[in-house]
PDB file of N, CA and C in Angstrom:
ATOM      1  N   UNK A   1     -15.184  10.749  12.094  1.00  0.00           N
ATOM      2  CA  UNK A   1     -14.461  10.793  13.351  1.00  0.00           C
ATOM      3  C   UNK A   1     -14.114   9.377  13.760  1.00  0.00           C
ATOM      4  N   UNK A   2     -12.889   9.201  14.196  1.00  0.00           N
ATOM      5  CA  UNK A   2     -12.400   7.897  14.590  1.00  0.00           C
ATOM      6  C   UNK A   2     -11.564   8.057  15.848  1.00  0.00           C
ATOM      7  N   UNK A   3     -11.803   7.204  16.807  1.00  0.00           N
ATOM      8  CA  UNK A   3     -10.994   7.219  18.032  1.00  0.00           C
ATOM      9  C   UNK A   3     -10.311   5.864  18.140  1.00  0.00           C
ATOM     10  N   UNK A   4      -9.019   5.880  18.441  1.00  0.00           N
ATOM     11  CA  UNK A   4      -8.287   4.622  18.595  1.00  0.00           C
ATOM     12  C   UNK A   4      -7.472   4.646  19.880  1.00  0.00           C
ATOM     13  N   UNK A   5      -7.249   3.474  20.413  1.00  0.00           N
ATOM     14  CA  UNK A   5      -6.396   3.339  21.589  1.00  0.00           C
ATOM     15  C   UNK A   5      -5.069   2.769  21.116  1.00  0.00           C
ATOM     16  N   UNK A   6      -4.005   3.419  21.507  1.00  0.00           N
ATOM     17  CA  UNK A   6      -2.672   2.962  21.149  1.00  0.00           C
ATOM     18  C   UNK A   6      -1.941   2.502  22.402  1.00  0.00           C
ATOM     19  N   UNK A   7      -1.039   1.550  22.257  1.00  0.00           N
ATOM     20  CA  UNK A   7      -0.214   1.194  23.399  1.00  0.00           C
ATOM     21  C   UNK A   7       0.545   2.445  23.868  1.00  0.00           C
ATOM     22  N   UNK A   8       0.787   2.527  25.143  1.00  0.00           N
ATOM     23  CA  UNK A   8       1.433   3.709  25.712  1.00  0.00           C
ATOM     24  C   UNK A   8       2.777   3.986  25.053  1.00  0.00           C
ATOM     25  N   UNK A   9       3.524   2.935  24.734  1.00  0.00           N
ATOM     26  CA  UNK A   9       4.837   3.128  24.096  1.00  0.00           C
ATOM     27  C   UNK A   9       4.694   3.783  22.723  1.00  0.00           C
ATOM     28  N   UNK A  10       3.670   3.408  21.983  1.00  0.00           N
ATOM     29  CA  UNK A  10       3.435   4.000  20.657  1.00  0.00           C
ATOM     30  C   UNK A  10       2.973   5.441  20.809  1.00  0.00           C
ATOM     31  N   UNK A  11       2.105   5.679  21.759  1.00  0.00           N
ATOM     32  CA  UNK A  11       1.613   7.038  22.021  1.00  0.00           C
ATOM     33  C   UNK A  11       2.783   7.969  22.359  1.00  0.00           C
ATOM     34  N   UNK A  12       3.708   7.488  23.183  1.00  0.00           N
ATOM     35  CA  UNK A  12       4.864   8.312  23.560  1.00  0.00           C
ATOM     36  C   UNK A  12       5.753   8.598  22.352  1.00  0.00           C
ATOM     37  N   UNK A  13       5.976   7.595  21.531  1.00  0.00           N
ATOM     38  CA  UNK A  13       6.787   7.805  20.330  1.00  0.00           C
ATOM     39  C   UNK A  13       6.128   8.822  19.409  1.00  0.00           C
ATOM     40  N   UNK A  14       4.831   8.712  19.275  1.00  0.00           N
ATOM     41  CA  UNK A  14       4.072   9.630  18.431  1.00  0.00           C
ATOM     42  C   UNK A  14       4.144  11.054  18.979  1.00  0.00           C
ATOM     43  N   UNK A  15       3.982  11.201  20.271  1.00  0.00           N
ATOM     44  CA  UNK A  15       4.085  12.525  20.902  1.00  0.00           C
ATOM     45  C   UNK A  15       5.474  13.132  20.688  1.00  0.00           C
ATOM     46  N   UNK A  16       6.496  12.302  20.844  1.00  0.00           N
ATOM     47  CA  UNK A  16       7.871  12.775  20.675  1.00  0.00           C
ATOM     48  C   UNK A  16       8.113  13.232  19.230  1.00  0.00           C
ATOM     49  N   UNK A  17       7.654  12.457  18.291  1.00  0.00           N
ATOM     50  CA  UNK A  17       7.790  12.807  16.884  1.00  0.00           C
ATOM     51  C   UNK A  17       7.061  14.116  16.572  1.00  0.00           C
ATOM     52  N   UNK A  18       5.853  14.238  17.068  1.00  0.00           N
ATOM     53  CA  UNK A  18       5.060  15.446  16.830  1.00  0.00           C
ATOM     54  C   UNK A  18       5.753  16.679  17.417  1.00  0.00           C
ATOM     55  N   UNK A  19       6.271  16.542  18.617  1.00  0.00           N
ATOM     56  CA  UNK A  19       6.981  17.661  19.266  1.00  0.00           C
ATOM     57  C   UNK A  19       8.207  18.071  18.465  1.00  0.00           C
ATOM     58  N   UNK A  20       8.984  17.087  18.059  1.00  0.00           N
ATOM     59  CA  UNK A  20      10.241  17.370  17.355  1.00  0.00           C
ATOM     60  C   UNK A  20      10.033  17.973  15.974  1.00  0.00           C
ATOM     61  N   UNK A  21       8.916  17.664  15.356  1.00  0.00           N
ATOM     62  CA  UNK A  21       8.699  18.115  13.979  1.00  0.00           C
ATOM     63  C   UNK A  21       7.720  19.274  13.862  1.00  0.00           C
ATOM     64  N   UNK A  22       7.028  19.577  14.956  1.00  0.00           N
ATOM     65  CA  UNK A  22       6.049  20.659  14.903  1.00  0.00           C
ATOM     66  C   UNK A  22       4.759  20.277  14.200  1.00  0.00           C
ATOM     67  N   UNK A  23       4.563  19.008  13.984  1.00  0.00           N
ATOM     68  CA  UNK A  23       3.302  18.534  13.388  1.00  0.00           C
ATOM     69  C   UNK A  23       2.451  17.914  14.487  1.00  0.00           C
ATOM     70  N   UNK A  24       1.206  17.635  14.142  1.00  0.00           N
ATOM     71  CA  UNK A  24       0.315  17.048  15.142  1.00  0.00           C
ATOM     72  C   UNK A  24       0.378  15.517  15.103  1.00  0.00           C
ATOM     73  N   UNK A  25      -0.029  14.915  16.192  1.00  0.00           N
ATOM     74  CA  UNK A  25      -0.132  13.457  16.220  1.00  0.00           C
ATOM     75  C   UNK A  25      -1.147  13.004  15.171  1.00  0.00           C
ATOM     76  N   UNK A  26      -2.206  13.758  15.026  1.00  0.00           N
ATOM     77  CA  UNK A  26      -3.242  13.433  14.044  1.00  0.00           C
ATOM     78  C   UNK A  26      -2.656  13.367  12.639  1.00  0.00           C
ATOM     79  N   UNK A  27      -1.767  14.296  12.327  1.00  0.00           N
ATOM     80  CA  UNK A  27      -1.131  14.307  11.011  1.00  0.00           C
ATOM     81  C   UNK A  27      -0.438  12.970  10.753  1.00  0.00           C
ATOM     82  N   UNK A  28       0.367  12.526  11.709  1.00  0.00           N
ATOM     83  CA  UNK A  28       1.125  11.289  11.516  1.00  0.00           C
ATOM     84  C   UNK A  28       0.241  10.050  11.492  1.00  0.00           C
ATOM     85  N   UNK A  29      -0.769  10.028  12.315  1.00  0.00           N
ATOM     86  CA  UNK A  29      -1.694   8.888  12.318  1.00  0.00           C
ATOM     87  C   UNK A  29      -2.432   8.823  10.982  1.00  0.00           C
ATOM     88  N   UNK A  30      -2.880   9.970  10.501  1.00  0.00           N
ATOM     89  CA  UNK A  30      -3.578  10.020   9.211  1.00  0.00           C
ATOM     90  C   UNK A  30      -2.656   9.536   8.095  1.00  0.00           C
ATOM     91  N   UNK A  31      -1.416  10.032   8.075  1.00  0.00           N
ATOM     92  CA  UNK A  31      -0.452   9.624   7.053  1.00  0.00           C
ATOM     93  C   UNK A  31      -0.204   8.119   7.093  1.00  0.00           C
ATOM     94  N   UNK A  32      -0.042   7.584   8.284  1.00  0.00           N
ATOM     95  CA  UNK A  32       0.220   6.152   8.433  1.00  0.00           C
ATOM     96  C   UNK A  32      -0.962   5.323   7.930  1.00  0.00           C
ATOM     97  N   UNK A  33      -2.161   5.732   8.271  1.00  0.00           N
ATOM     98  CA  UNK A  33      -3.351   4.996   7.835  1.00  0.00           C
ATOM     99  C   UNK A  33      -3.497   5.067   6.326  1.00  0.00           C
ATOM    100  N   UNK A  34      -3.311   6.243   5.753  1.00  0.00           N
ATOM    101  CA  UNK A  34      -3.445   6.379   4.301  1.00  0.00           C
ATOM    102  C   UNK A  34      -2.429   5.513   3.567  1.00  0.00           C
ATOM    103  N   UNK A  35      -1.200   5.508   4.032  1.00  0.00           N
ATOM    104  CA  UNK A  35      -0.160   4.695   3.394  1.00  0.00           C
ATOM    105  C   UNK A  35      -0.489   3.209   3.525  1.00  0.00           C
ATOM    106  N   UNK A  36      -0.880   2.791   4.705  1.00  0.00           N
ATOM    107  CA  UNK A  36      -1.201   1.388   4.934  1.00  0.00           C
ATOM    108  C   UNK A  36      -2.425   0.974   4.110  1.00  0.00           C
ATOM    109  N   UNK A  37      -3.399   1.853   4.037  1.00  0.00           N
ATOM    110  CA  UNK A  37      -4.607   1.572   3.261  1.00  0.00           C
ATOM    111  C   UNK A  37      -4.269   1.394   1.784  1.00  0.00           C
ATOM    112  N   UNK A  38      -3.397   2.244   1.258  1.00  0.00           N
ATOM    113  CA  UNK A  38      -2.963   2.102  -0.136  1.00  0.00           C
ATOM    114  C   UNK A  38      -2.319   0.740  -0.354  1.00  0.00           C
ATOM    115  N   UNK A  39      -1.457   0.340   0.558  1.00  0.00           N
ATOM    116  CA  UNK A  39      -0.790  -0.952   0.431  1.00  0.00           C
ATOM    117  C   UNK A  39      -1.788  -2.104   0.492  1.00  0.00           C
ATOM    118  N   UNK A  40      -2.747  -2.016   1.406  1.00  0.00           N
ATOM    119  CA  UNK A  40      -3.764  -3.067   1.505  1.00  0.00           C
ATOM    120  C   UNK A  40      -4.600  -3.147   0.231  1.00  0.00           C
ATOM    121  N   UNK A  41      -5.004  -1.995  -0.278  1.00  0.00           N
ATOM    122  CA  UNK A  41      -5.800  -1.984  -1.512  1.00  0.00           C
ATOM    123  C   UNK A  41      -5.018  -2.602  -2.664  1.00  0.00           C
ATOM    124  N   UNK A  42      -3.738  -2.247  -2.785  1.00  0.00           N
ATOM    125  CA  UNK A  42      -2.897  -2.828  -3.839  1.00  0.00           C
ATOM    126  C   UNK A  42      -2.788  -4.336  -3.679  1.00  0.00           C
ATOM    127  N   UNK A  43      -2.614  -4.796  -2.455  1.00  0.00           N
ATOM    128  CA  UNK A  43      -2.496  -6.230  -2.198  1.00  0.00           C
ATOM    129  C   UNK A  43      -3.776  -6.961  -2.590  1.00  0.00           C
ATOM    130  N   UNK A  44      -4.920  -6.443  -2.169  1.00  0.00           N
ATOM    131  CA  UNK A  44      -6.186  -7.102  -2.495  1.00  0.00           C
ATOM    132  C   UNK A  44      -6.467  -7.085  -3.988  1.00  0.00           C
ATOM    133  N   UNK A  45      -6.149  -5.987  -4.670  1.00  0.00           N
ATOM    134  CA  UNK A  45      -6.342  -5.926  -6.116  1.00  0.00           C
ATOM    135  C   UNK A  45      -5.446  -6.946  -6.816  1.00  0.00           C
ATOM    136  N   UNK A  46      -4.200  -7.066  -6.358  1.00  0.00           N
ATOM    137  CA  UNK A  46      -3.279  -8.031  -6.949  1.00  0.00           C
ATOM    138  C   UNK A  46      -3.751  -9.462  -6.709  1.00  0.00           C
ATOM    139  N   UNK A  47      -4.246  -9.738  -5.509  1.00  0.00           N
ATOM    140  CA  UNK A  47      -4.745 -11.082  -5.216  1.00  0.00           C
ATOM    141  C   UNK A  47      -5.942 -11.428  -6.080  1.00  0.00           C
ATOM    142  N   UNK A  48      -6.835 -10.472  -6.275  1.00  0.00           N
ATOM    143  CA  UNK A  48      -8.007 -10.716  -7.124  1.00  0.00           C
ATOM    144  C   UNK A  48      -7.592 -10.949  -8.569  1.00  0.00           C
ATOM    145  N   UNK A  49      -6.624 -10.162  -9.054  1.00  0.00           N
ATOM    146  CA  UNK A  49      -6.134 -10.348 -10.423  1.00  0.00           C
ATOM    147  C   UNK A  49      -5.501 -11.734 -10.574  1.00  0.00           C
ATOM    148  N   UNK A  50      -4.720 -12.152  -9.584  1.00  0.00           N
ATOM    149  CA  UNK A  50      -4.088 -13.472  -9.629  1.00  0.00           C
ATOM    150  C   UNK A  50      -5.144 -14.581  -9.658  1.00  0.00           C
ATOM    151  N   UNK A  51      -6.196 -14.432  -8.882  1.00  0.00           N
ATOM    152  CA  UNK A  51      -7.284 -15.421  -8.898  1.00  0.00           C
ATOM    153  C   UNK A  51      -7.912 -15.509 -10.290  1.00  0.00           C
ATOM    154  N   UNK A  52      -8.133 -14.335 -10.914  1.00  0.00           N
ATOM    155  CA  UNK A  52      -8.727 -14.321 -12.256  1.00  0.00           C
ATOM    156  C   UNK A  52      -7.781 -14.959 -13.280  1.00  0.00           C
ATOM    157  N   UNK A  53      -6.492 -14.710 -13.142  1.00  0.00           N
ATOM    158  CA  UNK A  53      -5.511 -15.314 -14.052  1.00  0.00           C
ATOM    159  C   UNK A  53      -5.511 -16.823 -13.888  1.00  0.00           C
ATOM    160  N   UNK A  54      -5.472 -17.281 -12.638  1.00  0.00           N
ATOM    161  CA  UNK A  54      -5.428 -18.725 -12.373  1.00  0.00           C
ATOM    162  C   UNK A  54      -6.695 -19.439 -12.839  1.00  0.00           C
ATOM    163  N   UNK A  55      -7.820 -18.739 -12.787  1.00  0.00           N
ATOM    164  CA  UNK A  55      -9.078 -19.358 -13.207  1.00  0.00           C
ATOM    165  C   UNK A  55      -9.303 -19.243 -14.714  1.00  0.00           C
ATOM    166  N   UNK A  56      -8.412 -18.526 -15.399  1.00  0.00           N
ATOM    167  CA  UNK A  56      -8.540 -18.388 -16.841  1.00  0.00           C
ATOM    168  C   UNK A  56      -9.430 -17.233 -17.265  1.00  0.00           C
ATOM    169  N   UNK A  57      -9.930 -16.454 -16.318  1.00  0.00           N
ATOM    170  CA  UNK A  57     -10.802 -15.324 -16.639  1.00  0.00           C
ATOM    171  C   UNK A  57     -10.024 -14.116 -17.164  1.00  0.00           C
ATOM    172  N   UNK A  58      -8.772 -14.053 -16.800  1.00  0.00           N
ATOM    173  CA  UNK A  58      -7.932 -12.901 -17.157  1.00  0.00           C
ATOM    174  C   UNK A  58      -6.839 -13.387 -18.108  1.00  0.00           C
ATOM    175  N   UNK A  59      -6.748 -12.789 -19.295  1.00  0.00           N
ATOM    176  CA  UNK A  59      -5.706 -13.231 -20.227  1.00  0.00           C
ATOM    177  C   UNK A  59      -4.321 -12.780 -19.769  1.00  0.00           C
ATOM    178  N   UNK A  60      -3.328 -13.509 -20.198  1.00  0.00           N
ATOM    179  CA  UNK A  60      -1.943 -13.144 -19.890  1.00  0.00           C
ATOM    180  C   UNK A  60      -1.173 -13.008 -21.204  1.00  0.00           C
ATOM    181  N   UNK A  61      -0.055 -12.327 -21.129  1.00  0.00           N
ATOM    182  CA  UNK A  61       0.805 -12.142 -22.302  1.00  0.00           C
ATOM    183  C   UNK A  61       2.213 -12.560 -21.891  1.00  0.00           C
ATOM    184  N   UNK A  62       2.844 -13.335 -22.727  1.00  0.00           N
ATOM    185  CA  UNK A  62       4.205 -13.764 -22.446  1.00  0.00           C
ATOM    186  C   UNK A  62       5.141 -12.558 -22.440  1.00  0.00           C
ATOM    187  N   UNK A  63       6.095 -12.552 -21.539  1.00  0.00           N
ATOM    188  CA  UNK A  63       7.068 -11.466 -21.450  1.00  0.00           C
ATOM    189  C   UNK A  63       7.765 -11.266 -22.789  1.00  0.00           C
ATOM    190  N   UNK A  64       8.097 -12.368 -23.424  1.00  0.00           N
ATOM    191  CA  UNK A  64       8.752 -12.320 -24.735  1.00  0.00           C
ATOM    192  C   UNK A  64       7.914 -11.515 -25.736  1.00  0.00           C
ATOM    193  N   UNK A  65       6.604 -11.719 -25.734  1.00  0.00           N
ATOM    194  CA  UNK A  65       5.715 -10.997 -26.653  1.00  0.00           C
ATOM    195  C   UNK A  65       5.622  -9.510 -26.302  1.00  0.00           C
ATOM    196  N   UNK A  66       5.604  -9.199 -25.025  1.00  0.00           N
ATOM    197  CA  UNK A  66       5.559  -7.799 -24.588  1.00  0.00           C
ATOM    198  C   UNK A  66       6.837  -7.085 -25.026  1.00  0.00           C
ATOM    199  N   UNK A  67       7.963  -7.749 -24.832  1.00  0.00           N
ATOM    200  CA  UNK A  67       9.239  -7.141 -25.196  1.00  0.00           C
ATOM    201  C   UNK A  67       9.300  -6.884 -26.703  1.00  0.00           C
ATOM    202  N   UNK A  68       8.822  -7.817 -27.490  1.00  0.00           N
ATOM    203  CA  UNK A  68       8.797  -7.632 -28.948  1.00  0.00           C
ATOM    204  C   UNK A  68       7.874  -6.484 -29.327  1.00  0.00           C
ATOM    205  N   UNK A  69       6.706  -6.446 -28.703  1.00  0.00           N
ATOM    206  CA  UNK A  69       5.715  -5.414 -29.018  1.00  0.00           C
ATOM    207  C   UNK A  69       6.278  -4.009 -28.784  1.00  0.00           C
ATOM    208  N   UNK A  70       7.075  -3.844 -27.758  1.00  0.00           N
ATOM    209  CA  UNK A  70       7.598  -2.520 -27.417  1.00  0.00           C
ATOM    210  C   UNK A  70       9.057  -2.337 -27.834  1.00  0.00           C
ATOM    211  N   UNK A  71       9.533  -3.211 -28.713  1.00  0.00           N
ATOM    212  CA  UNK A  71      10.877  -3.069 -29.243  1.00  0.00           C
ATOM    213  C   UNK A  71      11.978  -3.271 -28.221  1.00  0.00           C
ATOM    214  N   UNK A  72      11.717  -4.135 -27.257  1.00  0.00           N
ATOM    215  CA  UNK A  72      12.700  -4.371 -26.195  1.00  0.00           C
ATOM    216  C   UNK A  72      13.368  -5.739 -26.342  1.00  0.00           C
ATOM    217  N   UNK A  73      13.108  -6.411 -27.469  1.00  0.00           N
ATOM    218  CA  UNK A  73      13.699  -7.742 -27.627  1.00  0.00           C
ATOM    219  C   UNK A  73      15.204  -7.619 -27.781  1.00  0.00           C
ATOM    220  N   UNK A  74      15.877  -8.657 -27.372  1.00  0.00           N
ATOM    221  CA  UNK A  74      17.350  -8.651 -27.313  1.00  0.00           C
ATOM    222  C   UNK A  74      17.939  -8.849 -28.645  1.00  0.00           C
TER     223      UNK A  74
END
């Protein structure tokens, strides 16, 4: 269970959207959080991978080599 306070303008927009679509405010808040959470997780995973690459812990492959490996060379 989670309770949040929203600015009145956001609450009104959410209520209007819910009314117009026949869905609940909870539905839209849940969807927004899940989408944002996915984006945050992707960002943090990418940042960690970049740190490992920069520190030499994570190997890299040249684009040219990848293209050759998969028959995409020009």
